[in-house]
C-alpha cells in the first residue's frame, strides 16, 4: 500500500475547514521532464486544425487545352495553363488537410499529469476548497474571493464540476482564469497556470482516476 498525505481544505474566506487525504503515488511524484514534454507536445499538436490547403493543377480554374502546338513555335513546350510553372497555375506539393494528432498512451498522460500536480503542490500553489459554489455569476465578487485566497492577478486554473454554472460565468471573461472539470485536466493546462484552485470533490475524483 502506498503512503498518503493530508492537505488543508479551505473555504472562500481562506479559513481552514478540514483536511483531505491524497495518495503519495499521485501528489508526491517526481516530474519526468521528457515525459511531460512528449505529452504537452502531443496535446498542442492535437489542437492544430490542419485545414490548410492550396489548389493543385487539377483544381485551378482555366482551360484544359494545350496553349500552343508542340513544335515549330520556338517556345518551350507547354501542355497546360494549370502547370505550377505558370503564373496562376496550381501549387506543386502544397499543404493539404491533415491531422496533427500524436498518439500518447493513457498511462503516460496520467504520469505526466501526476508529476506536474505534485510540483504545484510542492510549490504551495494548489488550493483545495470544500466547495466552489457561488451565490451569483458576478465577476467582481468572484475576484474578491480570489483576492482573499491570495491568488488574484495570477493565472489560475479552476477545477470543479461543469454543473457549477455560476463559476463558469463569473470566470469566463477573465483571460487569466480558466475552468476545467477533473476529467479534462491535463499537464499543459497545469503548467500554463501558476495556481490550481480545486474543489474537494473534484480533487478526490482526480486522485481516484490517477491512482
N, C-alpha and C. Protein backbone atom coordinates (compact mmCIF):
# COMPACT_ATOMS: atom_id res chain seq x y z
N UNK A 1 0.84 -1.19 0.00
CA UNK A 1 0.00 0.00 0.00
C UNK A 1 0.88 1.25 0.00
N UNK A 2 0.54 2.23 -0.82
CA UNK A 2 1.29 3.47 -0.87
C UNK A 2 0.90 4.38 0.27
N UNK A 3 1.78 5.38 0.51
CA UNK A 3 1.50 6.33 1.57
C UNK A 3 0.51 7.38 1.13
N UNK A 4 0.18 8.26 2.07
CA UNK A 4 -0.77 9.33 1.79
C UNK A 4 -0.36 10.56 2.58
N UNK A 5 -0.85 11.70 2.15
CA UNK A 5 -0.57 12.96 2.83
C UNK A 5 -1.88 13.68 3.08
N UNK A 6 -1.88 14.53 4.07
CA UNK A 6 -3.06 15.31 4.41
C UNK A 6 -2.86 16.75 3.94
N UNK A 7 -3.84 17.27 3.21
CA UNK A 7 -3.79 18.63 2.68
C UNK A 7 -4.94 19.42 3.29
N UNK A 8 -4.66 20.65 3.65
CA UNK A 8 -5.69 21.52 4.22
C UNK A 8 -6.80 21.80 3.21
N UNK A 9 -8.02 21.82 3.69
CA UNK A 9 -9.18 22.21 2.89
C UNK A 9 -9.69 23.54 3.45
N UNK A 10 -9.89 24.51 2.54
CA UNK A 10 -10.30 25.85 2.97
C UNK A 10 -11.66 26.20 2.38
N UNK A 11 -12.16 27.37 2.78
CA UNK A 11 -13.36 27.92 2.15
C UNK A 11 -12.98 29.19 1.41
N UNK A 12 -13.95 29.87 0.81
CA UNK A 12 -13.67 31.07 0.03
C UNK A 12 -13.06 32.20 0.87
N UNK A 13 -13.23 32.14 2.19
CA UNK A 13 -12.66 33.18 3.08
C UNK A 13 -11.25 32.83 3.54
N UNK A 14 -10.68 31.79 2.93
CA UNK A 14 -9.32 31.35 3.23
C UNK A 14 -9.19 30.80 4.65
N UNK A 15 -10.27 30.28 5.18
CA UNK A 15 -10.26 29.67 6.50
C UNK A 15 -10.20 28.15 6.36
N UNK A 16 -9.38 27.52 7.16
CA UNK A 16 -9.23 26.06 7.11
C UNK A 16 -10.47 25.40 7.71
N UNK A 17 -11.06 24.52 6.95
CA UNK A 17 -12.28 23.84 7.40
C UNK A 17 -12.08 22.35 7.62
N UNK A 18 -10.94 21.81 7.21
CA UNK A 18 -10.70 20.38 7.38
C UNK A 18 -9.47 19.95 6.62
N UNK A 19 -9.38 18.66 6.35
CA UNK A 19 -8.25 18.08 5.62
C UNK A 19 -8.75 17.06 4.62
N UNK A 20 -7.93 16.83 3.61
CA UNK A 20 -8.21 15.79 2.63
C UNK A 20 -6.97 14.92 2.50
N UNK A 21 -7.16 13.62 2.46
CA UNK A 21 -6.05 12.69 2.32
C UNK A 21 -5.83 12.38 0.85
N UNK A 22 -4.61 12.60 0.39
CA UNK A 22 -4.26 12.38 -1.01
C UNK A 22 -3.14 11.36 -1.11
N UNK A 23 -3.20 10.47 -2.08
CA UNK A 23 -2.17 9.43 -2.21
C UNK A 23 -0.83 10.00 -2.69
N UNK A 24 0.25 9.52 -2.08
CA UNK A 24 1.59 9.95 -2.48
C UNK A 24 1.89 9.55 -3.92
N UNK A 25 1.31 8.46 -4.38
CA UNK A 25 1.57 7.98 -5.74
C UNK A 25 1.11 8.98 -6.79
N UNK A 26 0.20 9.87 -6.41
CA UNK A 26 -0.32 10.87 -7.35
C UNK A 26 0.24 12.24 -7.07
N UNK A 27 0.32 12.62 -5.80
CA UNK A 27 0.65 14.01 -5.45
C UNK A 27 2.03 14.16 -4.80
N UNK A 28 2.83 13.12 -4.82
CA UNK A 28 4.22 13.23 -4.35
C UNK A 28 5.13 12.51 -5.34
N UNK A 29 4.86 12.77 -6.59
CA UNK A 29 5.56 12.06 -7.66
C UNK A 29 6.62 12.97 -8.29
N UNK A 30 7.75 12.39 -8.62
CA UNK A 30 8.82 13.16 -9.26
C UNK A 30 8.44 13.47 -10.71
N UNK A 31 8.78 14.66 -11.16
CA UNK A 31 8.44 15.08 -12.52
C UNK A 31 9.42 14.45 -13.50
N UNK A 32 8.89 13.75 -14.49
CA UNK A 32 9.69 13.24 -15.60
C UNK A 32 9.63 14.26 -16.73
N UNK A 33 10.67 15.09 -16.84
CA UNK A 33 10.64 16.22 -17.76
C UNK A 33 10.43 15.79 -19.21
N UNK A 34 11.08 14.72 -19.62
CA UNK A 34 10.94 14.28 -21.00
C UNK A 34 9.52 13.77 -21.26
N UNK A 35 8.97 13.05 -20.32
CA UNK A 35 7.60 12.55 -20.48
C UNK A 35 6.61 13.71 -20.56
N UNK A 36 6.79 14.71 -19.71
CA UNK A 36 5.92 15.88 -19.74
C UNK A 36 6.04 16.59 -21.08
N UNK A 37 7.26 16.70 -21.60
CA UNK A 37 7.47 17.34 -22.90
C UNK A 37 6.73 16.59 -24.01
N UNK A 38 6.79 15.27 -23.99
CA UNK A 38 6.10 14.47 -25.00
C UNK A 38 4.59 14.66 -24.92
N UNK A 39 4.06 14.65 -23.71
CA UNK A 39 2.61 14.78 -23.52
C UNK A 39 2.14 16.17 -23.93
N UNK A 40 2.87 17.20 -23.54
CA UNK A 40 2.49 18.57 -23.91
C UNK A 40 2.59 18.77 -25.41
N UNK A 41 3.64 18.24 -26.02
CA UNK A 41 3.79 18.37 -27.47
C UNK A 41 2.62 17.71 -28.20
N UNK A 42 2.22 16.53 -27.74
CA UNK A 42 1.10 15.84 -28.36
C UNK A 42 -0.20 16.61 -28.16
N UNK A 43 -0.37 17.20 -26.98
CA UNK A 43 -1.59 17.97 -26.70
C UNK A 43 -1.68 19.19 -27.60
N UNK A 44 -0.58 19.93 -27.74
CA UNK A 44 -0.59 21.12 -28.59
C UNK A 44 -0.77 20.74 -30.06
N UNK A 45 -0.18 19.62 -30.47
CA UNK A 45 -0.34 19.18 -31.85
C UNK A 45 -1.79 18.82 -32.14
N UNK A 46 -2.47 18.22 -31.17
CA UNK A 46 -3.87 17.83 -31.39
C UNK A 46 -4.79 19.03 -31.50
N UNK A 47 -4.34 20.20 -31.01
CA UNK A 47 -5.16 21.41 -31.09
C UNK A 47 -5.06 22.09 -32.45
N UNK A 48 -4.10 21.69 -33.28
CA UNK A 48 -3.96 22.28 -34.61
C UNK A 48 -5.12 21.82 -35.50
N UNK A 49 -5.72 22.75 -36.21
CA UNK A 49 -6.88 22.41 -37.01
C UNK A 49 -6.51 21.62 -38.25
N UNK A 50 -5.36 21.91 -38.84
CA UNK A 50 -4.93 21.15 -40.01
C UNK A 50 -5.79 21.36 -41.23
N UNK A 51 -6.38 22.55 -41.39
CA UNK A 51 -7.28 22.81 -42.53
C UNK A 51 -6.58 23.54 -43.67
N UNK A 52 -5.26 23.67 -43.60
CA UNK A 52 -4.52 24.39 -44.65
C UNK A 52 -4.63 23.66 -45.99
N UNK A 53 -4.78 24.42 -47.06
CA UNK A 53 -4.98 23.81 -48.38
C UNK A 53 -4.61 24.80 -49.47
N UNK A 54 -3.90 24.34 -50.48
CA UNK A 54 -3.66 25.12 -51.69
C UNK A 54 -4.21 24.34 -52.88
N UNK A 55 -4.53 25.06 -53.94
CA UNK A 55 -5.08 24.40 -55.13
C UNK A 55 -3.98 23.75 -55.96
N UNK A 56 -4.24 22.51 -56.34
CA UNK A 56 -3.32 21.82 -57.23
C UNK A 56 -3.73 22.08 -58.67
N UNK A 57 -2.97 21.56 -59.62
CA UNK A 57 -3.20 21.89 -61.02
C UNK A 57 -4.58 21.42 -61.51
N UNK A 58 -5.10 20.38 -60.91
CA UNK A 58 -6.41 19.89 -61.32
C UNK A 58 -7.54 20.75 -60.78
N UNK A 59 -7.25 21.63 -59.82
CA UNK A 59 -8.27 22.43 -59.18
C UNK A 59 -8.26 23.90 -59.62
N UNK A 60 -7.24 24.30 -60.35
CA UNK A 60 -7.13 25.69 -60.79
C UNK A 60 -8.08 25.95 -61.95
N UNK A 61 -8.76 27.10 -61.89
CA UNK A 61 -9.69 27.46 -62.95
C UNK A 61 -8.93 27.80 -64.24
N UNK A 62 -9.46 27.38 -65.38
CA UNK A 62 -8.84 27.69 -66.67
C UNK A 62 -9.08 26.59 -67.68
N UNK A 63 -8.73 26.88 -68.91
CA UNK A 63 -8.92 25.90 -69.98
C UNK A 63 -7.97 24.73 -69.83
N UNK A 64 -8.42 23.57 -70.29
CA UNK A 64 -7.58 22.37 -70.24
C UNK A 64 -6.87 22.12 -71.59
N UNK A 65 -7.08 23.01 -72.54
CA UNK A 65 -6.48 22.79 -73.87
C UNK A 65 -5.00 23.16 -73.88
N UNK A 66 -4.28 22.60 -74.81
CA UNK A 66 -2.84 22.87 -74.95
C UNK A 66 -2.67 24.31 -75.46
N UNK A 67 -1.84 25.13 -74.80
CA UNK A 67 -1.72 26.55 -75.18
C UNK A 67 -1.27 26.76 -76.62
N UNK A 68 -0.32 26.01 -77.09
CA UNK A 68 0.12 26.06 -78.49
C UNK A 68 0.66 24.70 -78.89
N UNK A 69 0.86 24.57 -80.16
CA UNK A 69 1.28 23.26 -80.65
C UNK A 69 2.67 22.90 -80.11
N UNK A 70 2.93 21.62 -80.16
CA UNK A 70 4.15 21.11 -79.52
C UNK A 70 5.42 21.63 -80.19
N UNK A 71 5.42 21.71 -81.52
CA UNK A 71 6.65 22.03 -82.24
C UNK A 71 6.46 23.23 -83.17
N UNK A 72 7.56 23.86 -83.52
CA UNK A 72 7.54 24.87 -84.56
C UNK A 72 7.35 26.30 -84.11
N UNK A 73 7.04 26.54 -82.85
CA UNK A 73 6.79 27.92 -82.41
C UNK A 73 8.06 28.58 -81.87
N UNK A 74 9.06 27.80 -81.53
CA UNK A 74 10.27 28.34 -80.93
C UNK A 74 10.15 28.54 -79.43
N UNK A 75 8.96 28.34 -78.91
CA UNK A 75 8.77 28.49 -77.46
C UNK A 75 8.87 27.13 -76.78
N UNK A 76 9.02 27.20 -75.48
CA UNK A 76 9.14 25.96 -74.71
C UNK A 76 7.84 25.17 -74.79
N UNK A 77 7.95 23.88 -74.70
CA UNK A 77 6.77 23.02 -74.74
C UNK A 77 5.86 23.31 -73.56
N UNK A 78 4.58 23.32 -73.80
CA UNK A 78 3.60 23.56 -72.73
C UNK A 78 2.37 22.73 -73.01
N UNK A 79 1.87 22.07 -71.99
CA UNK A 79 0.70 21.22 -72.18
C UNK A 79 -0.52 21.70 -71.42
N UNK A 80 -0.33 22.65 -70.49
CA UNK A 80 -1.47 23.08 -69.67
C UNK A 80 -1.19 24.44 -69.06
N UNK A 81 -2.21 25.26 -68.96
CA UNK A 81 -2.08 26.55 -68.29
C UNK A 81 -2.14 26.40 -66.77
N UNK A 82 -2.50 25.20 -66.32
CA UNK A 82 -2.57 24.95 -64.88
C UNK A 82 -1.23 24.45 -64.31
N UNK A 83 -0.20 24.41 -65.14
CA UNK A 83 1.10 23.93 -64.70
C UNK A 83 1.64 24.80 -63.57
N UNK A 84 2.29 24.21 -62.58
CA UNK A 84 2.90 25.00 -61.49
C UNK A 84 3.95 25.99 -61.99
N UNK A 85 4.45 25.80 -63.21
CA UNK A 85 5.44 26.72 -63.76
C UNK A 85 4.83 28.03 -64.23
N UNK A 86 3.53 28.04 -64.40
CA UNK A 86 2.85 29.21 -64.94
C UNK A 86 2.28 30.09 -63.84
N UNK A 87 2.19 31.39 -64.15
CA UNK A 87 1.52 32.30 -63.23
C UNK A 87 0.05 31.90 -63.11
N UNK A 88 -0.47 31.89 -61.90
CA UNK A 88 -1.84 31.46 -61.60
C UNK A 88 -2.05 29.96 -61.80
N UNK A 89 -0.95 29.24 -61.97
CA UNK A 89 -1.08 27.78 -62.08
C UNK A 89 -1.23 27.14 -60.71
N UNK A 90 -1.39 25.83 -60.71
CA UNK A 90 -1.54 25.10 -59.45
C UNK A 90 -0.27 25.08 -58.65
N UNK A 91 -0.39 24.78 -57.37
CA UNK A 91 0.77 24.69 -56.48
C UNK A 91 1.25 23.24 -56.45
N UNK A 92 2.54 23.07 -56.60
CA UNK A 92 3.11 21.73 -56.53
C UNK A 92 3.49 21.39 -55.10
N UNK A 93 3.02 20.26 -54.64
CA UNK A 93 3.37 19.75 -53.30
C UNK A 93 2.97 20.74 -52.20
N UNK A 94 1.85 21.41 -52.37
CA UNK A 94 1.38 22.36 -51.36
C UNK A 94 0.76 21.66 -50.17
N UNK A 95 0.44 22.41 -49.13
CA UNK A 95 -0.19 21.81 -47.94
C UNK A 95 -1.57 21.26 -48.24
N UNK A 96 -1.92 20.18 -47.59
CA UNK A 96 -3.23 19.56 -47.74
C UNK A 96 -3.81 19.30 -46.36
N UNK A 97 -5.13 19.25 -46.23
CA UNK A 97 -5.72 18.98 -44.92
C UNK A 97 -5.19 17.68 -44.31
N UNK A 98 -4.85 17.75 -43.03
CA UNK A 98 -4.30 16.58 -42.35
C UNK A 98 -4.52 16.72 -40.85
N UNK A 99 -4.39 15.63 -40.17
CA UNK A 99 -4.48 15.63 -38.71
C UNK A 99 -3.07 15.62 -38.14
N UNK A 100 -2.83 16.48 -37.14
CA UNK A 100 -1.53 16.54 -36.48
C UNK A 100 -1.51 15.74 -35.17
N UNK A 101 -2.58 15.03 -34.90
CA UNK A 101 -2.68 14.30 -33.64
C UNK A 101 -1.55 13.28 -33.50
N UNK A 102 -1.02 13.20 -32.29
CA UNK A 102 0.04 12.25 -31.99
C UNK A 102 -0.45 11.29 -30.90
N UNK A 103 -0.10 10.06 -31.04
CA UNK A 103 -0.56 9.05 -30.09
C UNK A 103 0.30 9.06 -28.83
N UNK A 104 -0.35 9.22 -27.70
CA UNK A 104 0.31 9.10 -26.40
C UNK A 104 -0.58 8.20 -25.55
N UNK A 105 0.00 7.17 -24.97
CA UNK A 105 -0.85 6.22 -24.24
C UNK A 105 -1.36 6.84 -22.93
N UNK A 106 -2.42 6.26 -22.43
CA UNK A 106 -3.12 6.81 -21.26
C UNK A 106 -2.22 6.82 -20.03
N UNK A 107 -1.40 5.80 -19.89
CA UNK A 107 -0.52 5.71 -18.72
C UNK A 107 0.48 6.86 -18.71
N UNK A 108 1.00 7.22 -19.87
CA UNK A 108 1.96 8.32 -19.96
C UNK A 108 1.30 9.65 -19.64
N UNK A 109 0.09 9.86 -20.15
CA UNK A 109 -0.62 11.12 -19.86
C UNK A 109 -0.90 11.27 -18.36
N UNK A 110 -1.30 10.19 -17.74
CA UNK A 110 -1.60 10.24 -16.31
C UNK A 110 -0.33 10.46 -15.49
N UNK A 111 0.77 9.84 -15.90
CA UNK A 111 2.03 10.01 -15.17
C UNK A 111 2.52 11.46 -15.28
N UNK A 112 2.39 12.04 -16.47
CA UNK A 112 2.81 13.43 -16.66
C UNK A 112 1.94 14.37 -15.83
N UNK A 113 0.62 14.13 -15.81
CA UNK A 113 -0.28 14.97 -15.03
C UNK A 113 0.01 14.85 -13.54
N UNK A 114 0.26 13.65 -13.06
CA UNK A 114 0.60 13.46 -11.65
C UNK A 114 1.88 14.20 -11.29
N UNK A 115 2.85 14.18 -12.20
CA UNK A 115 4.11 14.85 -11.94
C UNK A 115 3.96 16.36 -11.79
N UNK A 116 3.22 16.99 -12.71
CA UNK A 116 3.09 18.45 -12.65
C UNK A 116 2.17 18.88 -11.50
N UNK A 117 1.16 18.05 -11.16
CA UNK A 117 0.33 18.35 -9.99
C UNK A 117 1.16 18.26 -8.71
N UNK A 118 2.04 17.26 -8.64
CA UNK A 118 2.92 17.14 -7.48
C UNK A 118 3.83 18.35 -7.36
N UNK A 119 4.28 18.85 -8.49
CA UNK A 119 5.14 20.04 -8.49
C UNK A 119 4.39 21.26 -7.96
N UNK A 120 3.15 21.46 -8.42
CA UNK A 120 2.36 22.59 -7.94
C UNK A 120 2.07 22.46 -6.44
N UNK A 121 1.83 21.25 -5.97
CA UNK A 121 1.58 21.04 -4.55
C UNK A 121 2.83 21.34 -3.74
N UNK A 122 3.98 20.89 -4.22
CA UNK A 122 5.25 21.14 -3.52
C UNK A 122 5.56 22.64 -3.47
N UNK A 123 5.13 23.37 -4.48
CA UNK A 123 5.35 24.83 -4.52
C UNK A 123 4.36 25.58 -3.65
N UNK A 124 3.36 24.88 -3.14
CA UNK A 124 2.32 25.54 -2.35
C UNK A 124 1.33 26.30 -3.19
N UNK A 125 1.17 25.87 -4.43
CA UNK A 125 0.29 26.56 -5.37
C UNK A 125 -0.94 25.72 -5.74
N UNK A 126 -1.30 24.79 -4.89
CA UNK A 126 -2.52 24.02 -5.06
C UNK A 126 -3.44 24.30 -3.87
N UNK A 127 -4.55 24.96 -4.13
CA UNK A 127 -5.51 25.34 -3.09
C UNK A 127 -6.73 24.44 -3.22
N UNK A 128 -7.13 23.82 -2.11
CA UNK A 128 -8.30 22.94 -2.11
C UNK A 128 -9.41 23.61 -1.32
N UNK A 129 -10.58 23.73 -1.94
CA UNK A 129 -11.74 24.34 -1.29
C UNK A 129 -12.81 23.29 -1.03
N UNK A 130 -13.52 23.45 0.08
CA UNK A 130 -14.58 22.49 0.39
C UNK A 130 -15.72 22.59 -0.62
N UNK A 131 -15.93 23.79 -1.16
CA UNK A 131 -16.94 23.99 -2.20
C UNK A 131 -16.56 25.23 -3.00
N UNK A 132 -16.82 25.18 -4.31
CA UNK A 132 -16.54 26.33 -5.17
C UNK A 132 -17.83 26.95 -5.70
N UNK A 133 -18.93 26.64 -5.04
CA UNK A 133 -20.22 27.20 -5.45
C UNK A 133 -20.25 28.70 -5.17
N UNK A 134 -20.91 29.44 -6.07
CA UNK A 134 -21.07 30.88 -5.93
C UNK A 134 -22.55 31.21 -5.86
N UNK A 135 -22.85 32.28 -5.11
CA UNK A 135 -24.26 32.68 -5.00
C UNK A 135 -24.79 33.26 -6.29
N UNK A 136 -23.93 33.94 -7.04
CA UNK A 136 -24.34 34.58 -8.29
C UNK A 136 -23.15 34.64 -9.23
N UNK A 137 -23.40 34.69 -10.54
CA UNK A 137 -22.30 34.72 -11.50
C UNK A 137 -21.73 36.13 -11.70
N UNK A 138 -21.22 36.73 -10.63
CA UNK A 138 -20.70 38.10 -10.69
C UNK A 138 -19.18 38.07 -10.62
N UNK A 139 -18.56 38.58 -11.67
CA UNK A 139 -17.11 38.52 -11.78
C UNK A 139 -16.43 39.32 -10.67
N UNK A 140 -16.96 40.51 -10.34
CA UNK A 140 -16.35 41.33 -9.29
C UNK A 140 -16.32 40.62 -7.96
N UNK A 141 -17.43 40.01 -7.58
CA UNK A 141 -17.48 39.27 -6.31
C UNK A 141 -16.52 38.08 -6.33
N UNK A 142 -16.44 37.43 -7.49
CA UNK A 142 -15.56 36.26 -7.59
C UNK A 142 -14.09 36.68 -7.47
N UNK A 143 -13.71 37.80 -8.10
CA UNK A 143 -12.33 38.26 -7.99
C UNK A 143 -11.99 38.64 -6.56
N UNK A 144 -12.96 39.16 -5.83
CA UNK A 144 -12.73 39.48 -4.42
C UNK A 144 -12.45 38.20 -3.62
N UNK A 145 -13.11 37.12 -3.97
CA UNK A 145 -12.86 35.85 -3.28
C UNK A 145 -11.47 35.32 -3.62
N UNK A 146 -11.06 35.46 -4.86
CA UNK A 146 -9.70 35.04 -5.23
C UNK A 146 -8.66 35.89 -4.51
N UNK A 147 -8.98 37.17 -4.29
CA UNK A 147 -8.07 38.05 -3.56
C UNK A 147 -7.89 37.55 -2.13
N UNK A 148 -8.97 37.09 -1.51
CA UNK A 148 -8.88 36.56 -0.14
C UNK A 148 -8.04 35.28 -0.10
N UNK A 149 -8.05 34.54 -1.20
CA UNK A 149 -7.21 33.34 -1.27
C UNK A 149 -5.76 33.66 -1.58
N UNK A 150 -5.50 34.90 -2.00
CA UNK A 150 -4.14 35.31 -2.32
C UNK A 150 -3.68 34.95 -3.71
N UNK A 151 -4.63 34.74 -4.63
CA UNK A 151 -4.24 34.34 -5.99
C UNK A 151 -4.74 35.34 -7.05
N UNK A 152 -5.29 36.44 -6.64
CA UNK A 152 -5.80 37.42 -7.61
C UNK A 152 -4.64 38.01 -8.42
N UNK A 153 -4.86 38.18 -9.71
CA UNK A 153 -3.83 38.74 -10.58
C UNK A 153 -2.89 37.70 -11.17
N UNK A 154 -3.01 36.46 -10.72
CA UNK A 154 -2.19 35.37 -11.24
C UNK A 154 -3.01 34.55 -12.24
N UNK A 155 -2.32 33.71 -13.00
CA UNK A 155 -3.02 32.77 -13.88
C UNK A 155 -3.50 31.61 -13.02
N UNK A 156 -4.82 31.44 -12.96
CA UNK A 156 -5.42 30.46 -12.05
C UNK A 156 -6.25 29.47 -12.85
N UNK A 157 -6.02 28.19 -12.58
CA UNK A 157 -6.81 27.13 -13.18
C UNK A 157 -7.82 26.66 -12.14
N UNK A 158 -9.10 26.77 -12.49
CA UNK A 158 -10.19 26.40 -11.58
C UNK A 158 -10.69 25.01 -11.95
N UNK A 159 -10.71 24.10 -10.99
CA UNK A 159 -11.09 22.72 -11.26
C UNK A 159 -12.32 22.38 -10.44
N UNK A 160 -13.43 22.19 -11.12
CA UNK A 160 -14.68 21.82 -10.46
C UNK A 160 -15.60 21.21 -11.51
N UNK A 161 -16.73 20.69 -11.06
CA UNK A 161 -17.68 20.08 -11.99
C UNK A 161 -18.30 21.10 -12.92
N UNK A 162 -18.62 20.67 -14.13
CA UNK A 162 -19.21 21.57 -15.12
C UNK A 162 -20.60 22.05 -14.73
N UNK A 163 -21.21 21.37 -13.76
CA UNK A 163 -22.54 21.81 -13.32
C UNK A 163 -22.47 23.11 -12.51
N UNK A 164 -21.27 23.53 -12.13
CA UNK A 164 -21.10 24.79 -11.40
C UNK A 164 -21.14 25.94 -12.41
N UNK A 165 -22.34 26.26 -12.87
CA UNK A 165 -22.51 27.25 -13.93
C UNK A 165 -22.11 28.65 -13.49
N UNK A 166 -22.39 29.02 -12.25
CA UNK A 166 -22.04 30.35 -11.78
C UNK A 166 -20.53 30.59 -11.81
N UNK A 167 -19.77 29.57 -11.48
CA UNK A 167 -18.31 29.69 -11.52
C UNK A 167 -17.84 29.89 -12.95
N UNK A 168 -18.42 29.15 -13.88
CA UNK A 168 -18.06 29.29 -15.29
C UNK A 168 -18.38 30.70 -15.80
N UNK A 169 -19.57 31.20 -15.48
CA UNK A 169 -19.98 32.51 -15.96
C UNK A 169 -19.16 33.63 -15.32
N UNK A 170 -18.78 33.48 -14.07
CA UNK A 170 -18.03 34.52 -13.38
C UNK A 170 -16.58 34.60 -13.83
N UNK A 171 -16.05 33.51 -14.38
CA UNK A 171 -14.61 33.48 -14.72
C UNK A 171 -14.33 33.52 -16.21
N UNK A 172 -15.34 33.34 -17.05
CA UNK A 172 -15.07 33.15 -18.48
C UNK A 172 -14.57 34.41 -19.18
N UNK A 173 -14.87 35.60 -18.64
CA UNK A 173 -14.44 36.83 -19.31
C UNK A 173 -13.13 37.36 -18.75
N UNK A 174 -12.41 36.57 -17.98
CA UNK A 174 -11.10 36.95 -17.46
C UNK A 174 -10.04 36.09 -18.11
N UNK A 175 -9.12 36.69 -18.89
CA UNK A 175 -8.14 35.89 -19.64
C UNK A 175 -7.19 35.10 -18.76
N UNK A 176 -6.99 35.53 -17.51
CA UNK A 176 -6.05 34.82 -16.65
C UNK A 176 -6.68 33.64 -15.93
N UNK A 177 -7.99 33.47 -16.11
CA UNK A 177 -8.70 32.39 -15.43
C UNK A 177 -9.21 31.36 -16.44
N UNK A 178 -9.21 30.12 -16.04
CA UNK A 178 -9.75 29.06 -16.89
C UNK A 178 -10.36 27.99 -15.99
N UNK A 179 -11.55 27.53 -16.37
CA UNK A 179 -12.23 26.49 -15.60
C UNK A 179 -12.25 25.18 -16.38
N UNK A 180 -11.93 24.09 -15.69
CA UNK A 180 -11.98 22.76 -16.27
C UNK A 180 -12.59 21.81 -15.25
N UNK A 181 -13.19 20.73 -15.74
CA UNK A 181 -13.60 19.68 -14.83
C UNK A 181 -12.44 18.71 -14.65
N UNK A 182 -12.52 17.86 -13.65
CA UNK A 182 -11.41 16.96 -13.33
C UNK A 182 -11.06 16.05 -14.51
N UNK A 183 -12.06 15.63 -15.27
CA UNK A 183 -11.81 14.73 -16.39
C UNK A 183 -11.08 15.38 -17.55
N UNK A 184 -11.11 16.72 -17.63
CA UNK A 184 -10.45 17.43 -18.73
C UNK A 184 -9.09 17.99 -18.35
N UNK A 185 -8.69 17.83 -17.12
CA UNK A 185 -7.42 18.37 -16.66
C UNK A 185 -6.27 17.68 -17.38
N UNK A 186 -5.26 18.45 -17.77
CA UNK A 186 -4.11 17.90 -18.49
C UNK A 186 -2.85 18.63 -18.08
N UNK A 187 -1.70 18.03 -18.40
CA UNK A 187 -0.42 18.56 -17.97
C UNK A 187 -0.16 19.95 -18.52
N UNK A 188 -0.57 20.21 -19.75
CA UNK A 188 -0.31 21.52 -20.35
C UNK A 188 -1.00 22.63 -19.58
N UNK A 189 -2.28 22.44 -19.26
CA UNK A 189 -3.03 23.48 -18.55
C UNK A 189 -2.47 23.71 -17.14
N UNK A 190 -2.03 22.65 -16.48
CA UNK A 190 -1.43 22.81 -15.16
C UNK A 190 -0.15 23.64 -15.26
N UNK A 191 0.68 23.34 -16.25
CA UNK A 191 1.93 24.09 -16.42
C UNK A 191 1.68 25.52 -16.87
N UNK A 192 0.59 25.75 -17.57
CA UNK A 192 0.29 27.07 -18.12
C UNK A 192 -0.33 28.01 -17.09
N UNK A 193 -0.63 27.51 -15.89
CA UNK A 193 -1.22 28.34 -14.83
C UNK A 193 -0.37 28.22 -13.57
N UNK A 194 -0.19 29.35 -12.91
CA UNK A 194 0.67 29.36 -11.71
C UNK A 194 -0.05 28.79 -10.49
N UNK A 195 -1.36 28.87 -10.47
CA UNK A 195 -2.13 28.38 -9.33
C UNK A 195 -3.20 27.40 -9.79
N UNK A 196 -3.47 26.41 -8.94
CA UNK A 196 -4.57 25.48 -9.16
C UNK A 196 -5.51 25.61 -7.97
N UNK A 197 -6.75 25.98 -8.23
CA UNK A 197 -7.77 26.04 -7.19
C UNK A 197 -8.80 24.98 -7.53
N UNK A 198 -8.92 23.98 -6.68
CA UNK A 198 -9.79 22.83 -6.97
C UNK A 198 -10.74 22.59 -5.81
N UNK A 199 -11.92 22.10 -6.14
CA UNK A 199 -12.88 21.72 -5.10
C UNK A 199 -12.49 20.35 -4.56
N UNK A 200 -12.88 20.08 -3.33
CA UNK A 200 -12.56 18.79 -2.71
C UNK A 200 -13.14 17.62 -3.48
N UNK A 201 -14.41 17.68 -3.92
CA UNK A 201 -14.94 16.55 -4.71
C UNK A 201 -14.18 16.33 -6.02
N UNK A 202 -13.80 17.42 -6.69
CA UNK A 202 -13.07 17.28 -7.95
C UNK A 202 -11.70 16.67 -7.72
N UNK A 203 -11.03 17.06 -6.63
CA UNK A 203 -9.70 16.52 -6.35
C UNK A 203 -9.77 15.05 -5.96
N UNK A 204 -10.82 14.67 -5.23
CA UNK A 204 -10.98 13.25 -4.90
C UNK A 204 -11.20 12.43 -6.16
N UNK A 205 -12.02 12.95 -7.06
CA UNK A 205 -12.26 12.24 -8.32
C UNK A 205 -10.98 12.13 -9.13
N UNK A 206 -10.20 13.20 -9.16
CA UNK A 206 -8.93 13.18 -9.90
C UNK A 206 -7.96 12.19 -9.30
N UNK A 207 -7.86 12.16 -7.98
CA UNK A 207 -6.95 11.23 -7.32
C UNK A 207 -7.34 9.78 -7.59
N UNK A 208 -8.64 9.53 -7.63
CA UNK A 208 -9.11 8.17 -7.90
C UNK A 208 -8.75 7.72 -9.31
N UNK A 209 -8.89 8.63 -10.27
CA UNK A 209 -8.56 8.29 -11.66
C UNK A 209 -7.07 8.09 -11.84
N UNK A 210 -6.26 8.98 -11.27
CA UNK A 210 -4.81 8.92 -11.45
C UNK A 210 -4.18 7.79 -10.65
N UNK A 211 -4.90 7.28 -9.66
CA UNK A 211 -4.36 6.17 -8.86
C UNK A 211 -4.47 4.87 -9.66
